[in-house]
């Protein structure tokens, strides 16, 4: 059983009821383990920590901005037209024990737990909770990708109303300052924006930016910033 390494981005024209393919994006690798026989098969699918994957966001007029992993550049997709910006230099964030533990802590929440069922035809087997993941259960890369991409906390890239693309950079677990690279419609880096410590962007509007702040008790507060 193999997972694809990329998926297409499809655009639906509501007026014409047609679908066209704008391009493909690389998806995060998954580790699949299968065991058991025909009637008692167990399939375990696990995330690959800090797997390199493309990200993308959609503009109101239907254009798509794809953030490419590897050399870290932005590519604008609109039908047959593609505009690629210059690669952005970055210093990789090395993965140490602290980075591993932070990733494992996020993977242990309810949204990322994996359960399996076993049983013969015509009957449901018992549901089993997988054992808690440990660092030695995974193959860890040497460094994080340049940008965070999509995660359980929401999108890693945002399209602003004026057409700029905001891409969240990967940072060290010891640095909770959110940093965003802002790209123009040519795909080139325009500016770099940082938010206050511990904030998480949840929306962007005309001249405004919305973020969530979480206090020590886990309470969340919605904040609005002018930009």
C-alpha atoms as a PDB file:
ATOM      1  CA  UNK A   1       0.000   0.000   0.000  1.00  0.00           C
ATOM      2  CA  UNK A   2       1.550   3.266  -1.138  1.00  0.00           C
ATOM      3  CA  UNK A   3       0.478   6.851  -0.704  1.00  0.00           C
ATOM      4  CA  UNK A   4       0.879   9.360  -3.558  1.00  0.00           C
ATOM      5  CA  UNK A   5       3.611  11.948  -3.173  1.00  0.00           C
ATOM      6  CA  UNK A   6       1.571  14.706  -4.822  1.00  0.00           C
ATOM      7  CA  UNK A   7      -2.043  15.660  -5.491  1.00  0.00           C
ATOM      8  CA  UNK A   8      -3.658  17.909  -8.125  1.00  0.00           C
ATOM      9  CA  UNK A   9      -5.280  21.272  -7.422  1.00  0.00           C
ATOM     10  CA  UNK A  10      -8.633  21.352  -9.235  1.00  0.00           C
ATOM     11  CA  UNK A  11     -10.609  24.519 -10.022  1.00  0.00           C
ATOM     12  CA  UNK A  12     -14.350  24.364 -10.614  1.00  0.00           C
ATOM     13  CA  UNK A  13     -16.008  26.969 -12.846  1.00  0.00           C
ATOM     14  CA  UNK A  14     -19.480  27.318 -11.376  1.00  0.00           C
ATOM     15  CA  UNK A  15     -20.911  29.140 -14.404  1.00  0.00           C
ATOM     16  CA  UNK A  16     -19.638  26.630 -16.969  1.00  0.00           C
ATOM     17  CA  UNK A  17     -19.707  23.612 -14.624  1.00  0.00           C
ATOM     18  CA  UNK A  18     -16.218  22.630 -15.753  1.00  0.00           C
ATOM     19  CA  UNK A  19     -13.133  21.538 -13.839  1.00  0.00           C
ATOM     20  CA  UNK A  20      -9.534  22.249 -14.791  1.00  0.00           C
ATOM     21  CA  UNK A  21      -6.250  21.248 -13.169  1.00  0.00           C
ATOM     22  CA  UNK A  22      -4.089  24.178 -12.119  1.00  0.00           C
ATOM     23  CA  UNK A  23      -1.108  22.109 -11.023  1.00  0.00           C
ATOM     24  CA  UNK A  24       0.134  19.656  -8.443  1.00  0.00           C
ATOM     25  CA  UNK A  25       1.462  20.046  -4.913  1.00  0.00           C
ATOM     26  CA  UNK A  26       3.736  17.759  -2.953  1.00  0.00           C
ATOM     27  CA  UNK A  27       2.060  16.278   0.145  1.00  0.00           C
ATOM     28  CA  UNK A  28       3.618  15.164   3.409  1.00  0.00           C
ATOM     29  CA  UNK A  29       4.933  11.608   3.530  1.00  0.00           C
ATOM     30  CA  UNK A  30       3.122   9.064   5.699  1.00  0.00           C
ATOM     31  CA  UNK A  31       4.472   5.815   7.123  1.00  0.00           C
ATOM     32  CA  UNK A  32       2.181   2.809   6.608  1.00  0.00           C
ATOM     33  CA  UNK A  33       2.572  -0.504   8.440  1.00  0.00           C
ATOM     34  CA  UNK A  34       0.328  -3.502   7.714  1.00  0.00           C
ATOM     35  CA  UNK A  35       0.134  -6.768   9.642  1.00  0.00           C
ATOM     36  CA  UNK A  36      -2.190  -9.724  10.178  1.00  0.00           C
ATOM     37  CA  UNK A  37      -4.064 -11.966   7.771  1.00  0.00           C
ATOM     38  CA  UNK A  38      -6.935 -11.434   5.362  1.00  0.00           C
ATOM     39  CA  UNK A  39      -9.637 -11.378   8.036  1.00  0.00           C
ATOM     40  CA  UNK A  40      -7.658  -9.761  10.836  1.00  0.00           C
ATOM     41  CA  UNK A  41      -5.597  -7.108   9.157  1.00  0.00           C
ATOM     42  CA  UNK A  42      -4.178  -4.142  11.008  1.00  0.00           C
ATOM     43  CA  UNK A  43      -3.196  -0.985   9.159  1.00  0.00           C
ATOM     44  CA  UNK A  44      -1.285   1.728  10.995  1.00  0.00           C
ATOM     45  CA  UNK A  45      -0.709   5.094   9.334  1.00  0.00           C
ATOM     46  CA  UNK A  46       1.606   7.547  11.017  1.00  0.00           C
ATOM     47  CA  UNK A  47       2.726  11.011  10.166  1.00  0.00           C
ATOM     48  CA  UNK A  48       6.324  11.581   9.196  1.00  0.00           C
ATOM     49  CA  UNK A  49       7.662  14.270  11.543  1.00  0.00           C
ATOM     50  CA  UNK A  50       8.376  17.616   9.905  1.00  0.00           C
ATOM     51  CA  UNK A  51       7.800  16.100   6.473  1.00  0.00           C
ATOM     52  CA  UNK A  52       8.551  18.501   3.637  1.00  0.00           C
ATOM     53  CA  UNK A  53       5.398  19.399   1.705  1.00  0.00           C
ATOM     54  CA  UNK A  54       4.125  22.190  -0.510  1.00  0.00           C
ATOM     55  CA  UNK A  55       1.479  24.595   0.764  1.00  0.00           C
ATOM     56  CA  UNK A  56      -1.066  26.673  -1.134  1.00  0.00           C
ATOM     57  CA  UNK A  57      -3.726  29.355  -0.792  1.00  0.00           C
ATOM     58  CA  UNK A  58      -6.538  30.620  -3.029  1.00  0.00           C
ATOM     59  CA  UNK A  59      -7.355  34.182  -4.046  1.00  0.00           C
ATOM     60  CA  UNK A  60     -10.873  35.544  -4.498  1.00  0.00           C
ATOM     61  CA  UNK A  61     -10.500  35.626  -8.302  1.00  0.00           C
ATOM     62  CA  UNK A  62      -9.558  31.933  -8.461  1.00  0.00           C
ATOM     63  CA  UNK A  63      -5.787  32.240  -8.707  1.00  0.00           C
ATOM     64  CA  UNK A  64      -3.730  29.845  -6.583  1.00  0.00           C
ATOM     65  CA  UNK A  65      -0.383  30.521  -4.935  1.00  0.00           C
ATOM     66  CA  UNK A  66       1.710  27.393  -4.332  1.00  0.00           C
ATOM     67  CA  UNK A  67       4.585  27.495  -1.843  1.00  0.00           C
ATOM     68  CA  UNK A  68       7.203  25.020  -3.005  1.00  0.00           C
ATOM     69  CA  UNK A  69       9.382  23.120  -0.585  1.00  0.00           C
ATOM     70  CA  UNK A  70      13.004  22.350  -1.405  1.00  0.00           C
ATOM     71  CA  UNK A  71      14.383  25.680  -2.596  1.00  0.00           C
ATOM     72  CA  UNK A  72      11.446  27.549  -0.963  1.00  0.00           C
ATOM     73  CA  UNK A  73       9.832  29.647  -3.640  1.00  0.00           C
ATOM     74  CA  UNK A  74       6.294  30.784  -4.507  1.00  0.00           C
ATOM     75  CA  UNK A  75       4.559  29.942  -7.763  1.00  0.00           C
ATOM     76  CA  UNK A  76       1.322  31.591  -8.916  1.00  0.00           C
ATOM     77  CA  UNK A  77      -1.033  29.334 -10.886  1.00  0.00           C
ATOM     78  CA  UNK A  78      -3.856  30.595 -13.095  1.00  0.00           C
ATOM     79  CA  UNK A  79      -4.958  28.261 -15.884  1.00  0.00           C
ATOM     80  CA  UNK A  80      -2.087  27.862 -18.338  1.00  0.00           C
ATOM     81  CA  UNK A  81      -0.162  30.779 -16.846  1.00  0.00           C
ATOM     82  CA  UNK A  82       2.479  30.198 -14.174  1.00  0.00           C
ATOM     83  CA  UNK A  83       4.657  32.795 -12.508  1.00  0.00           C
ATOM     84  CA  UNK A  84       7.501  31.616 -10.278  1.00  0.00           C
ATOM     85  CA  UNK A  85       9.390  33.874  -7.910  1.00  0.00           C
ATOM     86  CA  UNK A  86      12.990  33.714  -6.811  1.00  0.00           C
ATOM     87  CA  UNK A  87      14.011  31.133  -4.171  1.00  0.00           C
ATOM     88  CA  UNK A  88      14.228  32.525  -0.644  1.00  0.00           C
ATOM     89  CA  UNK A  89      17.385  31.847   1.349  1.00  0.00           C
ATOM     90  CA  UNK A  90      16.819  30.478   4.838  1.00  0.00           C
ATOM     91  CA  UNK A  91      18.762  28.965   7.714  1.00  0.00           C
ATOM     92  CA  UNK A  92      17.379  25.483   8.505  1.00  0.00           C
ATOM     93  CA  UNK A  93      16.089  24.890  12.038  1.00  0.00           C
ATOM     94  CA  UNK A  94      17.909  21.807  13.304  1.00  0.00           C
ATOM     95  CA  UNK A  95      15.826  19.139  15.012  1.00  0.00           C
ATOM     96  CA  UNK A  96      17.007  18.356  18.545  1.00  0.00           C
ATOM     97  CA  UNK A  97      15.350  16.570  21.477  1.00  0.00           C
ATOM     98  CA  UNK A  98      13.275  19.632  22.368  1.00  0.00           C
ATOM     99  CA  UNK A  99      11.881  19.840  18.822  1.00  0.00           C
ATOM    100  CA  UNK A 100      11.039  16.127  18.877  1.00  0.00           C
ATOM    101  CA  UNK A 101       9.198  16.335  22.203  1.00  0.00           C
ATOM    102  CA  UNK A 102       7.181  19.351  21.046  1.00  0.00           C
ATOM    103  CA  UNK A 103       6.127  17.515  17.883  1.00  0.00           C
ATOM    104  CA  UNK A 104       5.179  14.384  19.859  1.00  0.00           C
ATOM    105  CA  UNK A 105       3.119  16.458  22.307  1.00  0.00           C
ATOM    106  CA  UNK A 106       1.051  17.851  19.430  1.00  0.00           C
ATOM    107  CA  UNK A 107       0.648  14.382  17.907  1.00  0.00           C
ATOM    108  CA  UNK A 108      -0.756  12.968  21.160  1.00  0.00           C
ATOM    109  CA  UNK A 109      -3.896  15.101  21.161  1.00  0.00           C
ATOM    110  CA  UNK A 110      -7.264  13.612  20.222  1.00  0.00           C
ATOM    111  CA  UNK A 111      -7.204  14.826  16.633  1.00  0.00           C
ATOM    112  CA  UNK A 112      -4.058  12.854  15.844  1.00  0.00           C
ATOM    113  CA  UNK A 113      -4.707   9.595  17.666  1.00  0.00           C
ATOM    114  CA  UNK A 114      -4.848   6.504  15.505  1.00  0.00           C
ATOM    115  CA  UNK A 115      -7.184   3.587  16.190  1.00  0.00           C
ATOM    116  CA  UNK A 116      -7.465   0.290  14.365  1.00  0.00           C
ATOM    117  CA  UNK A 117     -10.257  -2.265  14.075  1.00  0.00           C
ATOM    118  CA  UNK A 118      -9.904  -5.969  13.440  1.00  0.00           C
ATOM    119  CA  UNK A 119     -12.492  -8.603  12.650  1.00  0.00           C
ATOM    120  CA  UNK A 120     -13.765 -10.986  10.024  1.00  0.00           C
ATOM    121  CA  UNK A 121     -16.349 -10.344   7.285  1.00  0.00           C
ATOM    122  CA  UNK A 122     -19.771  -9.295   8.502  1.00  0.00           C
ATOM    123  CA  UNK A 123     -18.727  -8.301  11.978  1.00  0.00           C
ATOM    124  CA  UNK A 124     -16.957  -5.369  13.495  1.00  0.00           C
ATOM    125  CA  UNK A 125     -13.944  -6.110  15.612  1.00  0.00           C
ATOM    126  CA  UNK A 126     -12.955  -4.256  18.760  1.00  0.00           C
ATOM    127  CA  UNK A 127     -11.481  -0.813  18.464  1.00  0.00           C
ATOM    128  CA  UNK A 128      -7.942  -0.617  19.796  1.00  0.00           C
ATOM    129  CA  UNK A 129      -6.042   2.408  21.008  1.00  0.00           C
ATOM    130  CA  UNK A 130      -2.531   2.539  19.622  1.00  0.00           C
ATOM    131  CA  UNK A 131       0.295   2.827  22.182  1.00  0.00           C
ATOM    132  CA  UNK A 132       1.664   6.267  22.867  1.00  0.00           C
ATOM    133  CA  UNK A 133       4.199   7.310  20.274  1.00  0.00           C
ATOM    134  CA  UNK A 134       7.833   7.664  21.298  1.00  0.00           C
ATOM    135  CA  UNK A 135      10.674   9.482  19.595  1.00  0.00           C
ATOM    136  CA  UNK A 136      12.398   6.229  18.622  1.00  0.00           C
ATOM    137  CA  UNK A 137       9.290   5.156  16.686  1.00  0.00           C
ATOM    138  CA  UNK A 138       9.932   7.750  13.978  1.00  0.00           C
ATOM    139  CA  UNK A 139      12.533   8.633  11.391  1.00  0.00           C
ATOM    140  CA  UNK A 140      13.483  12.242  12.014  1.00  0.00           C
ATOM    141  CA  UNK A 141      14.926  14.587   9.371  1.00  0.00           C
ATOM    142  CA  UNK A 142      17.907  16.745  10.232  1.00  0.00           C
ATOM    143  CA  UNK A 143      15.990  20.021   9.960  1.00  0.00           C
ATOM    144  CA  UNK A 144      12.524  21.514   9.626  1.00  0.00           C
ATOM    145  CA  UNK A 145      11.193  22.713   6.269  1.00  0.00           C
ATOM    146  CA  UNK A 146      11.490  26.448   5.636  1.00  0.00           C
ATOM    147  CA  UNK A 147       7.771  27.035   6.280  1.00  0.00           C
ATOM    148  CA  UNK A 148       5.221  25.430   8.600  1.00  0.00           C
ATOM    149  CA  UNK A 149       2.586  24.434   6.037  1.00  0.00           C
ATOM    150  CA  UNK A 150      -0.834  23.127   7.038  1.00  0.00           C
ATOM    151  CA  UNK A 151      -1.193  21.690  10.519  1.00  0.00           C
ATOM    152  CA  UNK A 152      -3.707  20.983  13.235  1.00  0.00           C
ATOM    153  CA  UNK A 153      -3.537  24.683  14.113  1.00  0.00           C
ATOM    154  CA  UNK A 154      -4.833  25.728  10.699  1.00  0.00           C
ATOM    155  CA  UNK A 155      -3.343  27.094   7.472  1.00  0.00           C
ATOM    156  CA  UNK A 156       0.287  28.048   7.227  1.00  0.00           C
ATOM    157  CA  UNK A 157      -0.285  30.352   4.238  1.00  0.00           C
ATOM    158  CA  UNK A 158      -2.847  33.144   3.876  1.00  0.00           C
ATOM    159  CA  UNK A 159      -3.990  35.134   0.858  1.00  0.00           C
ATOM    160  CA  UNK A 160      -4.614  38.793   1.679  1.00  0.00           C
ATOM    161  CA  UNK A 161      -7.437  40.690  -0.092  1.00  0.00           C
ATOM    162  CA  UNK A 162      -4.945  42.829  -2.037  1.00  0.00           C
ATOM    163  CA  UNK A 163      -3.360  39.666  -3.466  1.00  0.00           C
ATOM    164  CA  UNK A 164      -0.234  39.224  -1.368  1.00  0.00           C
ATOM    165  CA  UNK A 165       0.624  35.831   0.089  1.00  0.00           C
ATOM    166  CA  UNK A 166       1.605  35.451   3.758  1.00  0.00           C
ATOM    167  CA  UNK A 167       3.680  32.346   4.533  1.00  0.00           C
ATOM    168  CA  UNK A 168       4.511  31.347   8.113  1.00  0.00           C
ATOM    169  CA  UNK A 169       8.178  30.470   8.604  1.00  0.00           C
ATOM    170  CA  UNK A 170       9.403  27.552  10.687  1.00  0.00           C
ATOM    171  CA  UNK A 171      11.016  28.641  13.950  1.00  0.00           C
ATOM    172  CA  UNK A 172      12.709  26.935  16.863  1.00  0.00           C
ATOM    173  CA  UNK A 173      10.469  25.543  19.601  1.00  0.00           C
ATOM    174  CA  UNK A 174      12.257  27.948  21.951  1.00  0.00           C
ATOM    175  CA  UNK A 175      11.194  30.907  19.792  1.00  0.00           C
ATOM    176  CA  UNK A 176       7.428  31.503  19.856  1.00  0.00           C
ATOM    177  CA  UNK A 177       7.606  34.657  17.716  1.00  0.00           C
ATOM    178  CA  UNK A 178       5.413  34.029  14.633  1.00  0.00           C
ATOM    179  CA  UNK A 179       7.209  35.183  11.491  1.00  0.00           C
ATOM    180  CA  UNK A 180       5.569  35.583   8.075  1.00  0.00           C
ATOM    181  CA  UNK A 181       7.143  36.124   4.673  1.00  0.00           C
ATOM    182  CA  UNK A 182       4.951  38.318   2.445  1.00  0.00           C
ATOM    183  CA  UNK A 183       5.139  37.659  -1.311  1.00  0.00           C
ATOM    184  CA  UNK A 184       3.889  39.849  -4.155  1.00  0.00           C
ATOM    185  CA  UNK A 185       2.085  38.700  -7.314  1.00  0.00           C
ATOM    186  CA  UNK A 186       5.384  38.093  -9.084  1.00  0.00           C
ATOM    187  CA  UNK A 187       6.203  35.472  -6.443  1.00  0.00           C
ATOM    188  CA  UNK A 188       9.032  37.478  -4.905  1.00  0.00           C
ATOM    189  CA  UNK A 189       9.589  38.277  -1.237  1.00  0.00           C
ATOM    190  CA  UNK A 190       8.222  41.735  -0.432  1.00  0.00           C
ATOM    191  CA  UNK A 191       8.637  42.009   3.333  1.00  0.00           C
ATOM    192  CA  UNK A 192       8.837  40.013   6.553  1.00  0.00           C
ATOM    193  CA  UNK A 193       6.331  40.490   9.390  1.00  0.00           C
ATOM    194  CA  UNK A 194       6.516  39.283  12.998  1.00  0.00           C
ATOM    195  CA  UNK A 195       3.619  39.055  15.458  1.00  0.00           C
ATOM    196  CA  UNK A 196       3.856  39.364  19.252  1.00  0.00           C
ATOM    197  CA  UNK A 197       5.065  36.314  21.155  1.00  0.00           C
ATOM    198  CA  UNK A 198       2.713  33.348  21.278  1.00  0.00           C
ATOM    199  CA  UNK A 199       0.209  34.620  18.696  1.00  0.00           C
ATOM    200  CA  UNK A 200      -1.333  32.547  15.909  1.00  0.00           C
ATOM    201  CA  UNK A 201      -2.835  34.124  12.804  1.00  0.00           C
ATOM    202  CA  UNK A 202      -6.438  33.092  12.139  1.00  0.00           C
ATOM    203  CA  UNK A 203      -7.504  35.578   9.464  1.00  0.00           C
ATOM    204  CA  UNK A 204      -6.483  38.514   7.313  1.00  0.00           C
ATOM    205  CA  UNK A 205      -8.608  41.356   5.919  1.00  0.00           C
ATOM    206  CA  UNK A 206      -8.370  44.781   4.321  1.00  0.00           C
ATOM    207  CA  UNK A 207      -5.706  46.499   6.387  1.00  0.00           C
ATOM    208  CA  UNK A 208      -6.284  44.155   9.314  1.00  0.00           C
ATOM    209  CA  UNK A 209      -4.928  40.914  10.703  1.00  0.00           C
ATOM    210  CA  UNK A 210      -6.587  38.624  13.243  1.00  0.00           C
ATOM    211  CA  UNK A 211      -4.681  36.458  15.710  1.00  0.00           C
ATOM    212  CA  UNK A 212      -5.337  34.224  18.703  1.00  0.00           C
ATOM    213  CA  UNK A 213      -3.497  34.696  22.000  1.00  0.00           C
ATOM    214  CA  UNK A 214      -3.540  31.876  24.579  1.00  0.00           C
ATOM    215  CA  UNK A 215      -2.936  32.553  28.271  1.00  0.00           C
ATOM    216  CA  UNK A 216      -1.423  30.271  30.930  1.00  0.00           C
ATOM    217  CA  UNK A 217      -4.847  28.757  31.697  1.00  0.00           C
ATOM    218  CA  UNK A 218      -5.430  27.795  28.075  1.00  0.00           C
ATOM    219  CA  UNK A 219      -8.008  30.551  27.486  1.00  0.00           C
ATOM    220  CA  UNK A 220      -7.894  32.029  23.994  1.00  0.00           C
ATOM    221  CA  UNK A 221      -8.445  35.654  23.023  1.00  0.00           C
ATOM    222  CA  UNK A 222      -9.114  37.049  19.564  1.00  0.00           C
ATOM    223  CA  UNK A 223      -6.979  40.075  18.692  1.00  0.00           C
ATOM    224  CA  UNK A 224      -7.103  42.472  15.755  1.00  0.00           C
ATOM    225  CA  UNK A 225      -4.080  44.317  14.376  1.00  0.00           C
ATOM    226  CA  UNK A 226      -3.746  47.058  11.792  1.00  0.00           C
ATOM    227  CA  UNK A 227      -1.261  46.358   9.038  1.00  0.00           C
END
